[in-house]
Amino acid sequence: MPGSTDGSTKTMGALTVGALVAVTAYTVALGSNGWLWFGWVVLGLITLALVASRRA
């Protein structure tokens, strides 16, 4: 059904948000790490692609 999300898409979204919280907490506590932010951006792009493919 167009516009609906299944369990894997919701799980990926939750993982992406959780990773954002973890990377932000790491940055606040220990300082910025470019590789962590790069990894989060890649994860976010994969999540967006998954959501876009489910809507198509």
PDB file of N, CA and C in Angstrom:
ATOM      1  N   MET A   1       0.844  -1.181   0.000  1.00  0.00           N
ATOM      2  CA  MET A   1       0.000   0.000   0.000  1.00  0.00           C
ATOM      3  C   MET A   1       0.891   1.247   0.000  1.00  0.00           C
ATOM      4  N   PRO A   2       0.716   2.154  -0.942  1.00  0.00           N
ATOM      5  CA  PRO A   2       1.536   3.368  -0.985  1.00  0.00           C
ATOM      6  C   PRO A   2       1.344   4.222   0.262  1.00  0.00           C
ATOM      7  N   GLY A   3       2.441   4.759   0.743  1.00  0.00           N
ATOM      8  CA  GLY A   3       2.370   5.633   1.911  1.00  0.00           C
ATOM      9  C   GLY A   3       2.462   4.912   3.239  1.00  0.00           C
ATOM     10  N   SER A   4       2.391   3.590   3.218  1.00  0.00           N
ATOM     11  CA  SER A   4       2.481   2.857   4.470  1.00  0.00           C
ATOM     12  C   SER A   4       3.922   2.453   4.725  1.00  0.00           C
ATOM     13  N   THR A   5       4.222   2.243   5.986  1.00  0.00           N
ATOM     14  CA  THR A   5       5.563   1.782   6.338  1.00  0.00           C
ATOM     15  C   THR A   5       5.434   0.442   7.023  1.00  0.00           C
ATOM     16  N   ASP A   6       6.343  -0.454   6.714  1.00  0.00           N
ATOM     17  CA  ASP A   6       6.325  -1.748   7.360  1.00  0.00           C
ATOM     18  C   ASP A   6       7.286  -1.749   8.543  1.00  0.00           C
ATOM     19  N   GLY A   7       7.420  -2.881   9.178  1.00  0.00           N
ATOM     20  CA  GLY A   7       8.246  -2.982  10.377  1.00  0.00           C
ATOM     21  C   GLY A   7       9.708  -2.675  10.155  1.00  0.00           C
ATOM     22  N   SER A   8      10.260  -3.105   9.021  1.00  0.00           N
ATOM     23  CA  SER A   8      11.684  -2.872   8.781  1.00  0.00           C
ATOM     24  C   SER A   8      11.984  -1.392   8.588  1.00  0.00           C
ATOM     25  N   THR A   9      11.076  -0.659   7.950  1.00  0.00           N
ATOM     26  CA  THR A   9      11.272   0.777   7.760  1.00  0.00           C
ATOM     27  C   THR A   9      11.206   1.502   9.098  1.00  0.00           C
ATOM     28  N   LYS A  10      10.264   1.112   9.935  1.00  0.00           N
ATOM     29  CA  LYS A  10      10.155   1.724  11.266  1.00  0.00           C
ATOM     30  C   LYS A  10      11.383   1.408  12.119  1.00  0.00           C
ATOM     31  N   THR A  11      11.872   0.178  12.013  1.00  0.00           N
ATOM     32  CA  THR A  11      13.067  -0.211  12.749  1.00  0.00           C
ATOM     33  C   THR A  11      14.279   0.596  12.289  1.00  0.00           C
ATOM     34  N   MET A  12      14.415   0.765  10.983  1.00  0.00           N
ATOM     35  CA  MET A  12      15.532   1.545  10.433  1.00  0.00           C
ATOM     36  C   MET A  12      15.443   2.993  10.889  1.00  0.00           C
ATOM     37  N   GLY A  13      14.237   3.554  10.915  1.00  0.00           N
ATOM     38  CA  GLY A  13      14.053   4.923  11.391  1.00  0.00           C
ATOM     39  C   GLY A  13      14.429   5.054  12.859  1.00  0.00           C
ATOM     40  N   ALA A  14      14.013   4.103  13.663  1.00  0.00           N
ATOM     41  CA  ALA A  14      14.347   4.128  15.083  1.00  0.00           C
ATOM     42  C   ALA A  14      15.853   3.989  15.295  1.00  0.00           C
ATOM     43  N   LEU A  15      16.486   3.141  14.509  1.00  0.00           N
ATOM     44  CA  LEU A  15      17.934   2.968  14.594  1.00  0.00           C
ATOM     45  C   LEU A  15      18.656   4.265  14.223  1.00  0.00           C
ATOM     46  N   THR A  16      18.164   4.945  13.202  1.00  0.00           N
ATOM     47  CA  THR A  16      18.767   6.204  12.764  1.00  0.00           C
ATOM     48  C   THR A  16      18.646   7.273  13.840  1.00  0.00           C
ATOM     49  N   VAL A  17      17.467   7.391  14.445  1.00  0.00           N
ATOM     50  CA  VAL A  17      17.268   8.370  15.514  1.00  0.00           C
ATOM     51  C   VAL A  17      18.123   8.012  16.724  1.00  0.00           C
ATOM     52  N   GLY A  18      18.176   6.740  17.068  1.00  0.00           N
ATOM     53  CA  GLY A  18      19.009   6.308  18.187  1.00  0.00           C
ATOM     54  C   GLY A  18      20.483   6.590  17.946  1.00  0.00           C
ATOM     55  N   ALA A  19      20.923   6.381  16.705  1.00  0.00           N
ATOM     56  CA  ALA A  19      22.318   6.674  16.360  1.00  0.00           C
ATOM     57  C   ALA A  19      22.596   8.166  16.462  1.00  0.00           C
ATOM     58  N   LEU A  20      21.634   8.988  16.058  1.00  0.00           N
ATOM     59  CA  LEU A  20      21.807  10.438  16.173  1.00  0.00           C
ATOM     60  C   LEU A  20      21.971  10.842  17.635  1.00  0.00           C
ATOM     61  N   VAL A  21      21.170  10.282  18.501  1.00  0.00           N
ATOM     62  CA  VAL A  21      21.274  10.577  19.929  1.00  0.00           C
ATOM     63  C   VAL A  21      22.630  10.131  20.466  1.00  0.00           C
ATOM     64  N   ALA A  22      23.067   8.942  20.078  1.00  0.00           N
ATOM     65  CA  ALA A  22      24.350   8.417  20.552  1.00  0.00           C
ATOM     66  C   ALA A  22      25.519   9.259  20.055  1.00  0.00           C
ATOM     67  N   VAL A  23      25.506   9.632  18.778  1.00  0.00           N
ATOM     68  CA  VAL A  23      26.599  10.431  18.222  1.00  0.00           C
ATOM     69  C   VAL A  23      26.620  11.815  18.859  1.00  0.00           C
ATOM     70  N   THR A  24      25.442  12.392  19.083  1.00  0.00           N
ATOM     71  CA  THR A  24      25.375  13.699  19.730  1.00  0.00           C
ATOM     72  C   THR A  24      25.904  13.622  21.157  1.00  0.00           C
ATOM     73  N   ALA A  25      25.525  12.583  21.899  1.00  0.00           N
ATOM     74  CA  ALA A  25      26.012  12.423  23.274  1.00  0.00           C
ATOM     75  C   ALA A  25      27.525  12.230  23.290  1.00  0.00           C
ATOM     76  N   TYR A  26      28.043  11.454  22.354  1.00  0.00           N
ATOM     77  CA  TYR A  26      29.487  11.249  22.251  1.00  0.00           C
ATOM     78  C   TYR A  26      30.190  12.576  21.985  1.00  0.00           C
ATOM     79  N   THR A  27      29.629  13.366  21.065  1.00  0.00           N
ATOM     80  CA  THR A  27      30.224  14.650  20.719  1.00  0.00           C
ATOM     81  C   THR A  27      30.238  15.590  21.919  1.00  0.00           C
ATOM     82  N   VAL A  28      29.164  15.620  22.673  1.00  0.00           N
ATOM     83  CA  VAL A  28      29.093  16.484  23.854  1.00  0.00           C
ATOM     84  C   VAL A  28      30.089  16.024  24.916  1.00  0.00           C
ATOM     85  N   ALA A  29      30.178  14.716  25.131  1.00  0.00           N
ATOM     86  CA  ALA A  29      31.022  14.196  26.206  1.00  0.00           C
ATOM     87  C   ALA A  29      32.513  14.182  25.852  1.00  0.00           C
ATOM     88  N   LEU A  30      32.839  13.781  24.635  1.00  0.00           N
ATOM     89  CA  LEU A  30      34.238  13.531  24.309  1.00  0.00           C
ATOM     90  C   LEU A  30      34.775  14.362  23.147  1.00  0.00           C
ATOM     91  N   GLY A  31      33.933  15.138  22.522  1.00  0.00           N
ATOM     92  CA  GLY A  31      34.381  15.936  21.382  1.00  0.00           C
ATOM     93  C   GLY A  31      33.964  15.293  20.068  1.00  0.00           C
ATOM     94  N   SER A  32      33.992  16.088  19.042  1.00  0.00           N
ATOM     95  CA  SER A  32      33.500  15.661  17.749  1.00  0.00           C
ATOM     96  C   SER A  32      34.396  14.600  17.116  1.00  0.00           C
ATOM     97  N   ASN A  33      33.775  13.668  16.441  1.00  0.00           N
ATOM     98  CA  ASN A  33      34.480  12.654  15.671  1.00  0.00           C
ATOM     99  C   ASN A  33      33.837  12.630  14.284  1.00  0.00           C
ATOM    100  N   GLY A  34      34.577  13.064  13.293  1.00  0.00           N
ATOM    101  CA  GLY A  34      34.051  13.172  11.946  1.00  0.00           C
ATOM    102  C   GLY A  34      33.551  11.869  11.368  1.00  0.00           C
ATOM    103  N   TRP A  35      34.225  10.763  11.705  1.00  0.00           N
ATOM    104  CA  TRP A  35      33.798   9.473  11.170  1.00  0.00           C
ATOM    105  C   TRP A  35      32.445   9.052  11.717  1.00  0.00           C
ATOM    106  N   LEU A  36      32.165   9.377  12.975  1.00  0.00           N
ATOM    107  CA  LEU A  36      30.844   9.059  13.530  1.00  0.00           C
ATOM    108  C   LEU A  36      29.754   9.838  12.815  1.00  0.00           C
ATOM    109  N   TRP A  37      29.999  11.124  12.578  1.00  0.00           N
ATOM    110  CA  TRP A  37      29.006  11.938  11.874  1.00  0.00           C
ATOM    111  C   TRP A  37      28.849  11.470  10.436  1.00  0.00           C
ATOM    112  N   PHE A  38      29.943  11.117   9.785  1.00  0.00           N
ATOM    113  CA  PHE A  38      29.875  10.591   8.429  1.00  0.00           C
ATOM    114  C   PHE A  38      29.030   9.308   8.408  1.00  0.00           C
ATOM    115  N   GLY A  39      29.276   8.426   9.352  1.00  0.00           N
ATOM    116  CA  GLY A  39      28.502   7.190   9.441  1.00  0.00           C
ATOM    117  C   GLY A  39      27.028   7.458   9.670  1.00  0.00           C
ATOM    118  N   TRP A  40      26.721   8.446  10.508  1.00  0.00           N
ATOM    119  CA  TRP A  40      25.322   8.772  10.750  1.00  0.00           C
ATOM    120  C   TRP A  40      24.664   9.335   9.488  1.00  0.00           C
ATOM    121  N   VAL A  41      25.371  10.168   8.752  1.00  0.00           N
ATOM    122  CA  VAL A  41      24.825  10.718   7.509  1.00  0.00           C
ATOM    123  C   VAL A  41      24.540   9.593   6.512  1.00  0.00           C
ATOM    124  N   VAL A  42      25.468   8.654   6.390  1.00  0.00           N
ATOM    125  CA  VAL A  42      25.257   7.510   5.491  1.00  0.00           C
ATOM    126  C   VAL A  42      24.041   6.708   5.945  1.00  0.00           C
ATOM    127  N   LEU A  43      23.924   6.448   7.225  1.00  0.00           N
ATOM    128  CA  LEU A  43      22.769   5.725   7.760  1.00  0.00           C
ATOM    129  C   LEU A  43      21.479   6.484   7.473  1.00  0.00           C
ATOM    130  N   GLY A  44      21.504   7.796   7.653  1.00  0.00           N
ATOM    131  CA  GLY A  44      20.325   8.613   7.365  1.00  0.00           C
ATOM    132  C   GLY A  44      19.933   8.555   5.901  1.00  0.00           C
ATOM    133  N   LEU A  45      20.921   8.600   5.014  1.00  0.00           N
ATOM    134  CA  LEU A  45      20.625   8.525   3.580  1.00  0.00           C
ATOM    135  C   LEU A  45      20.046   7.163   3.197  1.00  0.00           C
ATOM    136  N   ILE A  46      20.562   6.113   3.809  1.00  0.00           N
ATOM    137  CA  ILE A  46      20.015   4.778   3.550  1.00  0.00           C
ATOM    138  C   ILE A  46      18.569   4.701   4.034  1.00  0.00           C
ATOM    139  N   THR A  47      18.302   5.272   5.196  1.00  0.00           N
ATOM    140  CA  THR A  47      16.942   5.283   5.727  1.00  0.00           C
ATOM    141  C   THR A  47      16.006   6.056   4.801  1.00  0.00           C
ATOM    142  N   LEU A  48      16.450   7.224   4.335  1.00  0.00           N
ATOM    143  CA  LEU A  48      15.620   8.003   3.416  1.00  0.00           C
ATOM    144  C   LEU A  48      15.357   7.242   2.121  1.00  0.00           C
ATOM    145  N   ALA A  49      16.358   6.549   1.619  1.00  0.00           N
ATOM    146  CA  ALA A  49      16.174   5.759   0.408  1.00  0.00           C
ATOM    147  C   ALA A  49      15.179   4.624   0.641  1.00  0.00           C
ATOM    148  N   LEU A  50      15.238   3.999   1.806  1.00  0.00           N
ATOM    149  CA  LEU A  50      14.295   2.931   2.134  1.00  0.00           C
ATOM    150  C   LEU A  50      12.879   3.471   2.203  1.00  0.00           C
ATOM    151  N   VAL A  51      12.699   4.615   2.850  1.00  0.00           N
ATOM    152  CA  VAL A  51      11.368   5.223   2.952  1.00  0.00           C
ATOM    153  C   VAL A  51      10.866   5.603   1.555  1.00  0.00           C
ATOM    154  N   ALA A  52      11.733   6.190   0.746  1.00  0.00           N
ATOM    155  CA  ALA A  52      11.332   6.589  -0.608  1.00  0.00           C
ATOM    156  C   ALA A  52      10.953   5.376  -1.466  1.00  0.00           C
ATOM    157  N   SER A  53      11.675   4.287  -1.308  1.00  0.00           N
ATOM    158  CA  SER A  53      11.360   3.101  -2.105  1.00  0.00           C
ATOM    159  C   SER A  53      10.045   2.464  -1.660  1.00  0.00           C
ATOM    160  N   ARG A  54       9.708   2.599  -0.405  1.00  0.00           N
ATOM    161  CA  ARG A  54       8.431   2.048   0.084  1.00  0.00           C
ATOM    162  C   ARG A  54       7.246   2.860  -0.416  1.00  0.00           C
ATOM    163  N   ARG A  55       7.463   4.149  -0.634  1.00  0.00           N
ATOM    164  CA  ARG A  55       6.369   5.015  -1.098  1.00  0.00           C
ATOM    165  C   ARG A  55       6.168   4.939  -2.602  1.00  0.00           C
ATOM    166  N   ALA A  56       7.164   4.455  -3.317  1.00  0.00           N
ATOM    167  CA  ALA A  56       7.083   4.425  -4.786  1.00  0.00           C
ATOM    168  C   ALA A  56       6.166   3.307  -5.261  1.00  0.00           C
TER     169      ALA A  56
END
